[in-house]
Amino acid sequence: MKLRLGLVDDHPAVLLGAASVLNAQPDMRVARAGATVSEVLDGGEALDLVLLDLSLADGSSVEDNVAELREAGIPVLAYTGAEQPALLRRAARAGASGAVRKTERAEVIADAVRAVLREGVAAGSDWAAALEHDESFVSARLTDREREVLALYAAGETAERVAAALFISRETVIDHIRRIRAKYAGVDRPAPTKVDLYRRAVEDGLVDEH
């Protein structure tokens, strides 16, 4: 079954071009496309991901658009036309899962879509650079041991394997993960799931994007 994608952009030529790129992929199809988030959501068909232009002419805000899609249970990939660090930071704070430029090669755009659906994040260079200078995304001040636990756990290891690698008990690993989540929540960077922890670890440079 192909991935069902939505496109939100108020430039018809961009919609046509993006649809052409994505529909050419063997595992994707554009199910809905429109100039506003509401137009895409009103299509009725369930979507696996939406590529969202951050600057729309309808006067809607980045935060409202990302929130509306996230409330519908749809991951958001920012689809940008130029360097937009301020908008990217706002999108990240609202819950977007990454960004890709409209000018990228077809395979790069498609890979960004797959990365979000496979790993929960597509942290390309624009995304990383935007968040690097955002004070709200500063380190949660993890201890050295907590950083070790997070690096292993977020990279895909189980609690048991993390415990074995660090010569500590599984219960200690669980306690570390609980404290890590509390610290991230304390700096407005919640990480309730393992995918969220992966995103935080990528943002803080503890694991490499893959």
N, C-alpha and C. Protein backbone atom coordinates (compact mmCIF):
# COMPACT_ATOMS: atom_id res chain seq x y z
N MET A 1 0.84 -1.19 0.00
CA MET A 1 0.00 0.00 0.00
C MET A 1 0.87 1.24 0.00
N LYS A 2 0.57 2.18 -0.87
CA LYS A 2 1.39 3.39 -0.98
C LYS A 2 1.08 4.36 0.16
N LEU A 3 2.11 5.15 0.52
CA LEU A 3 1.95 6.20 1.50
C LEU A 3 1.01 7.26 0.94
N ARG A 4 0.06 7.70 1.75
CA ARG A 4 -0.91 8.72 1.32
C ARG A 4 -0.45 10.08 1.83
N LEU A 5 -0.09 10.95 0.92
CA LEU A 5 0.49 12.23 1.28
C LEU A 5 -0.45 13.40 0.98
N GLY A 6 -0.32 14.44 1.78
CA GLY A 6 -1.03 15.69 1.53
C GLY A 6 -0.04 16.80 1.24
N LEU A 7 -0.45 17.74 0.42
CA LEU A 7 0.39 18.90 0.09
C LEU A 7 -0.39 20.16 0.38
N VAL A 8 0.23 21.09 1.12
CA VAL A 8 -0.39 22.39 1.38
C VAL A 8 0.54 23.48 0.87
N ASP A 9 0.10 24.15 -0.20
CA ASP A 9 0.88 25.25 -0.78
C ASP A 9 -0.08 26.10 -1.60
N ASP A 10 0.08 27.42 -1.55
CA ASP A 10 -0.86 28.28 -2.27
C ASP A 10 -0.36 28.69 -3.65
N HIS A 11 0.65 27.99 -4.15
CA HIS A 11 1.13 28.23 -5.51
C HIS A 11 0.81 26.99 -6.35
N PRO A 12 -0.13 27.09 -7.27
CA PRO A 12 -0.54 25.92 -8.07
C PRO A 12 0.62 25.22 -8.77
N ALA A 13 1.58 25.99 -9.26
CA ALA A 13 2.71 25.37 -9.96
C ALA A 13 3.53 24.51 -9.01
N VAL A 14 3.68 24.97 -7.77
CA VAL A 14 4.42 24.20 -6.77
C VAL A 14 3.68 22.91 -6.46
N LEU A 15 2.37 23.00 -6.30
CA LEU A 15 1.57 21.80 -6.03
C LEU A 15 1.72 20.77 -7.15
N LEU A 16 1.65 21.25 -8.38
CA LEU A 16 1.78 20.33 -9.51
C LEU A 16 3.16 19.69 -9.54
N GLY A 17 4.19 20.50 -9.33
CA GLY A 17 5.56 19.98 -9.36
C GLY A 17 5.82 18.98 -8.24
N ALA A 18 5.38 19.33 -7.02
CA ALA A 18 5.59 18.43 -5.89
C ALA A 18 4.81 17.13 -6.07
N ALA A 19 3.58 17.24 -6.56
CA ALA A 19 2.78 16.04 -6.80
C ALA A 19 3.45 15.13 -7.82
N SER A 20 4.01 15.74 -8.85
CA SER A 20 4.69 14.96 -9.87
C SER A 20 5.89 14.21 -9.29
N VAL A 21 6.66 14.91 -8.45
CA VAL A 21 7.84 14.30 -7.83
C VAL A 21 7.44 13.13 -6.94
N LEU A 22 6.44 13.35 -6.10
CA LEU A 22 6.05 12.33 -5.13
C LEU A 22 5.32 11.16 -5.77
N ASN A 23 4.48 11.45 -6.73
CA ASN A 23 3.75 10.37 -7.41
C ASN A 23 4.66 9.48 -8.25
N ALA A 24 5.83 9.98 -8.57
CA ALA A 24 6.79 9.18 -9.33
C ALA A 24 7.49 8.14 -8.45
N GLN A 25 7.36 8.28 -7.12
CA GLN A 25 7.98 7.33 -6.21
C GLN A 25 7.13 6.06 -6.14
N PRO A 26 7.74 4.91 -6.09
CA PRO A 26 6.97 3.66 -6.12
C PRO A 26 6.13 3.42 -4.88
N ASP A 27 6.47 4.09 -3.78
CA ASP A 27 5.77 3.84 -2.52
C ASP A 27 4.94 5.03 -2.04
N MET A 28 4.67 6.00 -2.92
CA MET A 28 3.96 7.21 -2.50
C MET A 28 2.91 7.63 -3.51
N ARG A 29 1.90 8.30 -3.00
CA ARG A 29 0.96 8.99 -3.89
C ARG A 29 0.39 10.20 -3.16
N VAL A 30 0.14 11.26 -3.88
CA VAL A 30 -0.46 12.46 -3.29
C VAL A 30 -1.97 12.27 -3.29
N ALA A 31 -2.54 12.14 -2.10
CA ALA A 31 -3.97 11.89 -1.97
C ALA A 31 -4.78 13.17 -1.93
N ARG A 32 -4.17 14.24 -1.36
CA ARG A 32 -4.86 15.52 -1.26
C ARG A 32 -3.87 16.66 -1.44
N ALA A 33 -4.28 17.72 -2.12
CA ALA A 33 -3.44 18.90 -2.29
C ALA A 33 -4.33 20.12 -2.28
N GLY A 34 -3.86 21.20 -1.65
CA GLY A 34 -4.67 22.40 -1.60
C GLY A 34 -3.89 23.59 -1.10
N ALA A 35 -4.55 24.74 -1.09
CA ALA A 35 -3.90 26.00 -0.70
C ALA A 35 -3.96 26.25 0.79
N THR A 36 -4.77 25.50 1.53
CA THR A 36 -4.88 25.66 2.97
C THR A 36 -4.92 24.30 3.66
N VAL A 37 -4.64 24.31 4.94
CA VAL A 37 -4.70 23.07 5.72
C VAL A 37 -6.13 22.53 5.74
N SER A 38 -7.09 23.41 5.94
CA SER A 38 -8.49 22.97 6.00
C SER A 38 -8.92 22.30 4.71
N GLU A 39 -8.48 22.85 3.59
CA GLU A 39 -8.83 22.27 2.29
C GLU A 39 -8.31 20.85 2.16
N VAL A 40 -7.12 20.62 2.65
CA VAL A 40 -6.53 19.28 2.56
C VAL A 40 -7.21 18.32 3.55
N LEU A 41 -7.47 18.80 4.76
CA LEU A 41 -8.09 17.94 5.76
C LEU A 41 -9.53 17.61 5.41
N ASP A 42 -10.19 18.50 4.71
CA ASP A 42 -11.59 18.27 4.37
C ASP A 42 -11.77 17.25 3.24
N GLY A 43 -10.66 16.74 2.72
CA GLY A 43 -10.75 15.78 1.61
C GLY A 43 -11.33 14.45 1.99
N GLY A 44 -11.31 14.13 3.28
CA GLY A 44 -11.95 12.90 3.73
C GLY A 44 -11.02 11.70 3.83
N GLU A 45 -10.01 11.61 2.97
CA GLU A 45 -9.13 10.44 2.99
C GLU A 45 -8.06 10.60 4.06
N ALA A 46 -7.79 9.52 4.79
CA ALA A 46 -6.76 9.53 5.82
C ALA A 46 -5.39 9.75 5.17
N LEU A 47 -4.56 10.55 5.83
CA LEU A 47 -3.23 10.87 5.29
C LEU A 47 -2.15 10.37 6.24
N ASP A 48 -1.04 9.92 5.66
CA ASP A 48 0.09 9.46 6.46
C ASP A 48 1.04 10.59 6.82
N LEU A 49 1.06 11.65 6.00
CA LEU A 49 1.97 12.78 6.23
C LEU A 49 1.53 13.94 5.36
N VAL A 50 1.78 15.16 5.84
CA VAL A 50 1.50 16.36 5.03
C VAL A 50 2.78 17.18 4.89
N LEU A 51 3.07 17.57 3.66
CA LEU A 51 4.14 18.53 3.40
C LEU A 51 3.51 19.92 3.42
N LEU A 52 4.00 20.78 4.30
CA LEU A 52 3.35 22.06 4.57
C LEU A 52 4.26 23.23 4.24
N ASP A 53 3.78 24.11 3.34
CA ASP A 53 4.46 25.38 3.10
C ASP A 53 4.24 26.25 4.34
N LEU A 54 5.29 26.89 4.83
CA LEU A 54 5.19 27.65 6.07
C LEU A 54 4.67 29.06 5.86
N SER A 55 4.61 29.54 4.63
CA SER A 55 4.14 30.90 4.35
C SER A 55 2.94 30.83 3.41
N LEU A 56 1.75 30.88 3.99
CA LEU A 56 0.53 30.78 3.20
C LEU A 56 -0.18 32.13 3.13
N ALA A 57 -0.88 32.37 2.04
CA ALA A 57 -1.51 33.67 1.81
C ALA A 57 -2.83 33.84 2.53
N ASP A 58 -3.32 32.79 3.21
CA ASP A 58 -4.62 32.89 3.86
C ASP A 58 -4.56 33.55 5.23
N GLY A 59 -3.35 33.96 5.64
CA GLY A 59 -3.20 34.63 6.92
C GLY A 59 -3.05 33.70 8.10
N SER A 60 -3.04 32.41 7.86
CA SER A 60 -2.89 31.44 8.94
C SER A 60 -1.47 31.44 9.47
N SER A 61 -1.32 31.07 10.73
CA SER A 61 0.01 31.03 11.35
C SER A 61 0.63 29.65 11.22
N VAL A 62 1.95 29.61 11.29
CA VAL A 62 2.66 28.33 11.27
C VAL A 62 2.17 27.45 12.42
N GLU A 63 2.06 28.04 13.60
CA GLU A 63 1.67 27.28 14.77
C GLU A 63 0.28 26.66 14.61
N ASP A 64 -0.67 27.45 14.13
CA ASP A 64 -2.03 26.94 13.97
C ASP A 64 -2.09 25.83 12.92
N ASN A 65 -1.36 26.01 11.84
CA ASN A 65 -1.39 25.00 10.77
C ASN A 65 -0.78 23.68 11.23
N VAL A 66 0.37 23.77 11.88
CA VAL A 66 1.01 22.54 12.38
C VAL A 66 0.13 21.89 13.43
N ALA A 67 -0.41 22.69 14.34
CA ALA A 67 -1.25 22.14 15.41
C ALA A 67 -2.49 21.46 14.85
N GLU A 68 -3.10 22.06 13.84
CA GLU A 68 -4.32 21.47 13.25
C GLU A 68 -4.02 20.11 12.64
N LEU A 69 -2.89 20.00 11.97
CA LEU A 69 -2.50 18.73 11.37
C LEU A 69 -2.13 17.71 12.44
N ARG A 70 -1.38 18.14 13.44
CA ARG A 70 -0.97 17.22 14.50
C ARG A 70 -2.18 16.73 15.29
N GLU A 71 -3.17 17.61 15.51
CA GLU A 71 -4.38 17.19 16.23
C GLU A 71 -5.16 16.14 15.43
N ALA A 72 -4.99 16.17 14.12
CA ALA A 72 -5.62 15.16 13.27
C ALA A 72 -4.78 13.88 13.20
N GLY A 73 -3.66 13.87 13.93
CA GLY A 73 -2.81 12.69 13.96
C GLY A 73 -1.89 12.54 12.77
N ILE A 74 -1.61 13.66 12.07
CA ILE A 74 -0.81 13.60 10.85
C ILE A 74 0.55 14.25 11.07
N PRO A 75 1.65 13.53 10.83
CA PRO A 75 2.97 14.14 10.91
C PRO A 75 3.13 15.25 9.87
N VAL A 76 3.95 16.25 10.22
CA VAL A 76 4.13 17.42 9.35
C VAL A 76 5.59 17.54 8.95
N LEU A 77 5.82 17.68 7.64
CA LEU A 77 7.15 17.96 7.11
C LEU A 77 7.11 19.36 6.48
N ALA A 78 7.89 20.28 7.04
CA ALA A 78 7.92 21.64 6.49
C ALA A 78 8.52 21.60 5.10
N TYR A 79 7.84 22.24 4.16
CA TYR A 79 8.25 22.25 2.75
C TYR A 79 8.58 23.70 2.41
N THR A 80 9.86 24.03 2.42
CA THR A 80 10.28 25.43 2.37
C THR A 80 10.90 25.80 1.03
N GLY A 81 10.76 27.10 0.71
CA GLY A 81 11.29 27.58 -0.56
C GLY A 81 12.59 28.32 -0.45
N ALA A 82 12.99 28.67 0.77
CA ALA A 82 14.22 29.44 0.96
C ALA A 82 14.64 29.28 2.41
N GLU A 83 15.72 29.96 2.79
CA GLU A 83 16.15 29.93 4.18
C GLU A 83 15.11 30.64 5.03
N GLN A 84 14.51 29.91 5.96
CA GLN A 84 13.46 30.46 6.81
C GLN A 84 13.67 30.00 8.25
N PRO A 85 14.81 30.34 8.86
CA PRO A 85 15.10 29.80 10.19
C PRO A 85 14.06 30.16 11.24
N ALA A 86 13.53 31.38 11.21
CA ALA A 86 12.54 31.77 12.21
C ALA A 86 11.27 30.94 12.06
N LEU A 87 10.82 30.76 10.81
CA LEU A 87 9.62 29.96 10.59
C LEU A 87 9.86 28.49 10.95
N LEU A 88 11.06 27.99 10.66
CA LEU A 88 11.37 26.61 11.00
C LEU A 88 11.36 26.40 12.51
N ARG A 89 11.89 27.37 13.25
CA ARG A 89 11.87 27.25 14.71
C ARG A 89 10.44 27.24 15.23
N ARG A 90 9.61 28.08 14.66
CA ARG A 90 8.20 28.11 15.07
C ARG A 90 7.51 26.78 14.73
N ALA A 91 7.82 26.24 13.56
CA ALA A 91 7.23 24.96 13.17
C ALA A 91 7.69 23.84 14.10
N ALA A 92 8.96 23.86 14.48
CA ALA A 92 9.49 22.84 15.37
C ALA A 92 8.82 22.90 16.73
N ARG A 93 8.67 24.10 17.25
CA ARG A 93 8.02 24.26 18.56
C ARG A 93 6.57 23.78 18.52
N ALA A 94 5.93 23.93 17.36
CA ALA A 94 4.53 23.52 17.22
C ALA A 94 4.38 22.02 17.01
N GLY A 95 5.49 21.33 16.68
CA GLY A 95 5.42 19.87 16.54
C GLY A 95 5.73 19.31 15.18
N ALA A 96 6.25 20.14 14.27
CA ALA A 96 6.66 19.60 12.96
C ALA A 96 7.82 18.63 13.14
N SER A 97 7.96 17.71 12.20
CA SER A 97 8.95 16.64 12.33
C SER A 97 10.20 16.82 11.48
N GLY A 98 10.33 17.96 10.83
CA GLY A 98 11.52 18.19 10.02
C GLY A 98 11.21 19.12 8.86
N ALA A 99 12.18 19.28 7.98
CA ALA A 99 12.01 20.20 6.86
C ALA A 99 12.79 19.72 5.66
N VAL A 100 12.30 20.12 4.49
CA VAL A 100 13.01 19.84 3.24
C VAL A 100 12.72 21.00 2.30
N ARG A 101 13.73 21.38 1.51
CA ARG A 101 13.53 22.48 0.57
C ARG A 101 12.83 22.02 -0.70
N LYS A 102 12.02 22.92 -1.24
CA LYS A 102 11.31 22.62 -2.49
C LYS A 102 12.28 22.44 -3.65
N THR A 103 13.47 23.01 -3.54
CA THR A 103 14.45 22.95 -4.62
C THR A 103 15.33 21.70 -4.57
N GLU A 104 15.13 20.86 -3.55
CA GLU A 104 15.95 19.65 -3.44
C GLU A 104 15.60 18.67 -4.56
N ARG A 105 16.54 17.74 -4.81
CA ARG A 105 16.30 16.69 -5.79
C ARG A 105 15.15 15.80 -5.32
N ALA A 106 14.51 15.17 -6.28
CA ALA A 106 13.33 14.35 -6.00
C ALA A 106 13.64 13.30 -4.93
N GLU A 107 14.82 12.66 -5.03
CA GLU A 107 15.13 11.60 -4.09
C GLU A 107 15.33 12.14 -2.66
N VAL A 108 15.81 13.39 -2.56
CA VAL A 108 16.01 13.98 -1.23
C VAL A 108 14.66 14.27 -0.58
N ILE A 109 13.73 14.80 -1.35
CA ILE A 109 12.38 15.07 -0.83
C ILE A 109 11.70 13.76 -0.41
N ALA A 110 11.79 12.76 -1.27
CA ALA A 110 11.18 11.47 -0.96
C ALA A 110 11.82 10.84 0.27
N ASP A 111 13.13 10.94 0.40
CA ASP A 111 13.82 10.37 1.56
C ASP A 111 13.42 11.09 2.84
N ALA A 112 13.18 12.40 2.76
CA ALA A 112 12.74 13.14 3.95
C ALA A 112 11.38 12.65 4.40
N VAL A 113 10.49 12.40 3.46
CA VAL A 113 9.17 11.86 3.79
C VAL A 113 9.33 10.51 4.48
N ARG A 114 10.14 9.64 3.90
CA ARG A 114 10.33 8.31 4.48
C ARG A 114 10.96 8.39 5.87
N ALA A 115 11.90 9.32 6.06
CA ALA A 115 12.57 9.45 7.36
C ALA A 115 11.57 9.82 8.46
N VAL A 116 10.66 10.73 8.16
CA VAL A 116 9.66 11.11 9.15
C VAL A 116 8.78 9.93 9.51
N LEU A 117 8.33 9.18 8.52
CA LEU A 117 7.43 8.07 8.77
C LEU A 117 8.14 6.86 9.39
N ARG A 118 9.42 6.74 9.12
CA ARG A 118 10.17 5.61 9.67
C ARG A 118 10.74 5.93 11.05
N GLU A 119 11.26 7.15 11.23
CA GLU A 119 12.00 7.48 12.44
C GLU A 119 11.40 8.62 13.25
N GLY A 120 10.40 9.29 12.68
CA GLY A 120 9.76 10.38 13.41
C GLY A 120 10.40 11.73 13.21
N VAL A 121 11.47 11.79 12.43
CA VAL A 121 12.16 13.06 12.24
C VAL A 121 12.93 13.05 10.93
N ALA A 122 13.00 14.24 10.29
CA ALA A 122 13.85 14.43 9.12
C ALA A 122 14.67 15.68 9.38
N ALA A 123 15.77 15.52 10.08
CA ALA A 123 16.56 16.66 10.55
C ALA A 123 17.67 17.00 9.58
N GLY A 124 17.31 17.65 8.48
CA GLY A 124 18.31 18.08 7.52
C GLY A 124 19.10 19.27 8.01
N SER A 125 20.00 19.79 7.18
CA SER A 125 20.89 20.87 7.60
C SER A 125 20.13 22.15 7.95
N ASP A 126 19.11 22.51 7.18
CA ASP A 126 18.33 23.72 7.48
C ASP A 126 17.64 23.58 8.84
N TRP A 127 17.08 22.42 9.07
CA TRP A 127 16.38 22.15 10.33
C TRP A 127 17.34 22.24 11.52
N ALA A 128 18.47 21.56 11.39
CA ALA A 128 19.45 21.56 12.48
C ALA A 128 19.99 22.96 12.75
N ALA A 129 20.28 23.72 11.68
CA ALA A 129 20.83 25.07 11.86
C ALA A 129 19.81 25.99 12.51
N ALA A 130 18.54 25.85 12.16
CA ALA A 130 17.51 26.70 12.75
C ALA A 130 17.37 26.43 14.24
N LEU A 131 17.38 25.16 14.62
CA LEU A 131 17.18 24.82 16.02
C LEU A 131 18.40 25.09 16.88
N GLU A 132 19.57 25.08 16.26
CA GLU A 132 20.82 25.27 17.00
C GLU A 132 20.84 26.61 17.72
N HIS A 133 20.20 27.61 17.14
CA HIS A 133 20.25 28.95 17.71
C HIS A 133 18.96 29.34 18.42
N ASP A 134 18.12 28.36 18.68
CA ASP A 134 16.87 28.63 19.38
C ASP A 134 17.06 28.33 20.86
N GLU A 135 16.92 29.34 21.71
CA GLU A 135 17.16 29.14 23.13
C GLU A 135 16.19 28.14 23.76
N SER A 136 15.03 27.95 23.14
CA SER A 136 14.07 26.99 23.69
C SER A 136 14.48 25.55 23.41
N PHE A 137 15.50 25.37 22.56
CA PHE A 137 15.97 24.02 22.26
C PHE A 137 17.35 23.77 22.85
N VAL A 138 17.68 24.50 23.91
CA VAL A 138 18.97 24.28 24.55
C VAL A 138 18.97 22.93 25.24
N SER A 139 20.18 22.49 25.59
CA SER A 139 20.31 21.20 26.25
C SER A 139 19.48 21.14 27.52
N ALA A 140 18.94 19.98 27.80
CA ALA A 140 18.16 19.79 29.03
C ALA A 140 19.07 19.55 30.22
N ARG A 141 20.37 19.77 30.07
CA ARG A 141 21.36 19.61 31.14
C ARG A 141 21.35 18.20 31.71
N LEU A 142 21.51 17.26 30.82
CA LEU A 142 21.59 15.87 31.24
C LEU A 142 22.95 15.59 31.84
N THR A 143 23.00 14.65 32.79
CA THR A 143 24.28 14.21 33.32
C THR A 143 24.99 13.36 32.27
N ASP A 144 26.27 13.10 32.48
CA ASP A 144 27.02 12.28 31.54
C ASP A 144 26.39 10.90 31.40
N ARG A 145 25.96 10.32 32.51
CA ARG A 145 25.36 8.99 32.46
C ARG A 145 24.02 9.04 31.72
N GLU A 146 23.24 10.07 31.97
CA GLU A 146 21.96 10.20 31.28
C GLU A 146 22.16 10.36 29.78
N ARG A 147 23.20 11.08 29.40
CA ARG A 147 23.49 11.25 27.97
C ARG A 147 23.88 9.91 27.35
N GLU A 148 24.66 9.10 28.09
CA GLU A 148 25.04 7.77 27.60
C GLU A 148 23.79 6.89 27.41
N VAL A 149 22.92 6.91 28.39
CA VAL A 149 21.70 6.11 28.31
C VAL A 149 20.84 6.57 27.14
N LEU A 150 20.65 7.87 27.02
CA LEU A 150 19.82 8.40 25.94
C LEU A 150 20.40 8.07 24.58
N ALA A 151 21.71 8.21 24.42
CA ALA A 151 22.35 7.95 23.13
C ALA A 151 22.10 6.51 22.69
N LEU A 152 22.20 5.57 23.60
CA LEU A 152 21.99 4.16 23.26
C LEU A 152 20.51 3.85 23.06
N TYR A 153 19.68 4.31 23.98
CA TYR A 153 18.25 4.00 23.93
C TYR A 153 17.60 4.64 22.71
N ALA A 154 17.93 5.90 22.44
CA ALA A 154 17.33 6.60 21.30
C ALA A 154 17.80 6.02 19.98
N ALA A 155 18.99 5.41 19.97
CA ALA A 155 19.51 4.82 18.74
C ALA A 155 18.86 3.49 18.42
N GLY A 156 17.99 3.00 19.32
CA GLY A 156 17.24 1.78 19.01
C GLY A 156 17.46 0.61 19.96
N GLU A 157 18.35 0.76 20.92
CA GLU A 157 18.60 -0.33 21.85
C GLU A 157 17.45 -0.46 22.85
N THR A 158 17.23 -1.68 23.34
CA THR A 158 16.24 -1.89 24.39
C THR A 158 16.84 -1.50 25.74
N ALA A 159 15.99 -1.37 26.74
CA ALA A 159 16.48 -1.05 28.08
C ALA A 159 17.43 -2.13 28.58
N GLU A 160 17.12 -3.40 28.25
CA GLU A 160 17.99 -4.50 28.67
C GLU A 160 19.37 -4.39 28.04
N ARG A 161 19.42 -4.05 26.77
CA ARG A 161 20.72 -3.97 26.08
C ARG A 161 21.49 -2.74 26.52
N VAL A 162 20.80 -1.66 26.82
CA VAL A 162 21.47 -0.48 27.37
C VAL A 162 22.10 -0.84 28.72
N ALA A 163 21.34 -1.54 29.53
CA ALA A 163 21.84 -1.94 30.85
C ALA A 163 23.10 -2.79 30.72
N ALA A 164 23.07 -3.76 29.79
CA ALA A 164 24.23 -4.62 29.60
C ALA A 164 25.44 -3.84 29.11
N ALA A 165 25.21 -2.90 28.20
CA ALA A 165 26.31 -2.12 27.63
C ALA A 165 26.97 -1.22 28.66
N LEU A 166 26.18 -0.73 29.61
CA LEU A 166 26.70 0.22 30.60
C LEU A 166 26.95 -0.43 31.96
N PHE A 167 26.74 -1.75 32.06
CA PHE A 167 26.96 -2.50 33.29
C PHE A 167 26.14 -1.95 34.46
N ILE A 168 24.87 -1.67 34.17
CA ILE A 168 23.94 -1.24 35.19
C ILE A 168 22.67 -2.08 35.05
N SER A 169 21.76 -1.95 36.00
CA SER A 169 20.55 -2.77 35.95
C SER A 169 19.51 -2.15 35.01
N ARG A 170 18.57 -2.99 34.57
CA ARG A 170 17.48 -2.50 33.73
C ARG A 170 16.67 -1.45 34.48
N GLU A 171 16.45 -1.66 35.78
CA GLU A 171 15.69 -0.71 36.58
C GLU A 171 16.38 0.65 36.62
N THR A 172 17.70 0.65 36.67
CA THR A 172 18.45 1.91 36.67
C THR A 172 18.29 2.63 35.34
N VAL A 173 18.30 1.86 34.25
CA VAL A 173 18.08 2.45 32.93
C VAL A 173 16.71 3.11 32.87
N ILE A 174 15.69 2.39 33.34
CA ILE A 174 14.33 2.93 33.33
C ILE A 174 14.26 4.21 34.15
N ASP A 175 14.94 4.23 35.31
CA ASP A 175 14.96 5.43 36.15
C ASP A 175 15.63 6.60 35.42
N HIS A 176 16.73 6.31 34.72
CA HIS A 176 17.41 7.35 33.95
C HIS A 176 16.48 7.91 32.87
N ILE A 177 15.81 7.02 32.15
CA ILE A 177 14.91 7.46 31.08
C ILE A 177 13.78 8.32 31.64
N ARG A 178 13.27 7.93 32.82
CA ARG A 178 12.21 8.71 33.46
C ARG A 178 12.72 10.11 33.79
N ARG A 179 13.93 10.20 34.32
CA ARG A 179 14.48 11.52 34.66
C ARG A 179 14.78 12.34 33.41
N ILE A 180 15.26 11.66 32.36
CA ILE A 180 15.54 12.35 31.09
C ILE A 180 14.26 12.98 30.56
N ARG A 181 13.19 12.21 30.56
CA ARG A 181 11.91 12.73 30.06
C ARG A 181 11.44 13.92 30.90
N ALA A 182 11.63 13.83 32.21
CA ALA A 182 11.23 14.92 33.10
C ALA A 182 12.04 16.18 32.81
N LYS A 183 13.34 16.02 32.54
CA LYS A 183 14.18 17.18 32.25
C LYS A 183 13.79 17.83 30.93
N TYR A 184 13.53 17.03 29.92
CA TYR A 184 13.12 17.59 28.64
C TYR A 184 11.76 18.30 28.77
N ALA A 185 10.86 17.70 29.52
CA ALA A 185 9.55 18.35 29.73
C ALA A 185 9.74 19.68 30.45
N GLY A 186 10.73 19.74 31.33
CA GLY A 186 10.98 20.96 32.09
C GLY A 186 11.49 22.12 31.27
N VAL A 187 12.04 21.85 30.08
CA VAL A 187 12.49 22.93 29.20
C VAL A 187 11.60 23.01 27.96
N ASP A 188 10.34 22.56 28.13
CA ASP A 188 9.33 22.65 27.07
C ASP A 188 9.73 21.87 25.83
N ARG A 189 10.39 20.71 26.03
CA ARG A 189 10.74 19.82 24.92
C ARG A 189 10.28 18.41 25.28
N PRO A 190 8.98 18.20 25.43
CA PRO A 190 8.49 16.90 25.91
C PRO A 190 8.92 15.75 25.02
N ALA A 191 9.16 14.60 25.64
CA ALA A 191 9.59 13.40 24.91
C ALA A 191 8.89 12.19 25.50
N PRO A 192 7.58 12.09 25.33
CA PRO A 192 6.83 10.99 25.95
C PRO A 192 7.04 9.63 25.31
N THR A 193 7.52 9.60 24.06
CA THR A 193 7.71 8.32 23.37
C THR A 193 9.18 8.13 23.00
N LYS A 194 9.51 6.92 22.57
CA LYS A 194 10.89 6.64 22.17
C LYS A 194 11.26 7.43 20.93
N VAL A 195 10.30 7.62 20.03
CA VAL A 195 10.55 8.43 18.83
C VAL A 195 10.87 9.87 19.24
N ASP A 196 10.15 10.39 20.23
CA ASP A 196 10.42 11.74 20.71
C ASP A 196 11.82 11.83 21.32
N LEU A 197 12.20 10.80 22.06
CA LEU A 197 13.55 10.79 22.63
C LEU A 197 14.61 10.78 21.53
N TYR A 198 14.34 10.05 20.45
CA TYR A 198 15.26 10.05 19.31
C TYR A 198 15.39 11.46 18.75
N ARG A 199 14.27 12.15 18.60
CA ARG A 199 14.30 13.51 18.06
C ARG A 199 15.14 14.42 18.95
N ARG A 200 14.94 14.31 20.26
CA ARG A 200 15.71 15.15 21.18
C ARG A 200 17.20 14.81 21.11
N ALA A 201 17.51 13.52 20.99
CA ALA A 201 18.92 13.11 20.92
C ALA A 201 19.57 13.63 19.64
N VAL A 202 18.83 13.63 18.52
CA VAL A 202 19.36 14.19 17.27
C VAL A 202 19.57 15.69 17.41
N GLU A 203 18.57 16.38 17.97
CA GLU A 203 18.66 17.82 18.14
C GLU A 203 19.86 18.22 19.00
N ASP A 204 20.18 17.39 20.01
CA ASP A 204 21.27 17.70 20.92
C ASP A 204 22.59 17.06 20.51
N GLY A 205 22.61 16.43 19.33
CA GLY A 205 23.87 15.88 18.83
C GLY A 205 24.34 14.63 19.51
N LEU A 206 23.44 13.91 20.20
CA LEU A 206 23.84 12.70 20.90
C LEU A 206 23.84 11.48 20.00
N VAL A 207 23.03 11.49 18.95
CA VAL A 207 23.03 10.43 17.95
C VAL A 207 23.01 11.06 16.58
N ASP A 208 23.52 10.34 15.59
CA ASP A 208 23.53 10.83 14.24
C ASP A 208 22.18 10.56 13.58
N GLU A 209 21.78 11.48 12.73
CA GLU A 209 20.55 11.27 11.95
C GLU A 209 20.78 10.10 10.99
N HIS A 210 19.77 9.23 10.87
CA HIS A 210 19.88 8.12 9.92
C HIS A 210 18.52 7.76 9.40
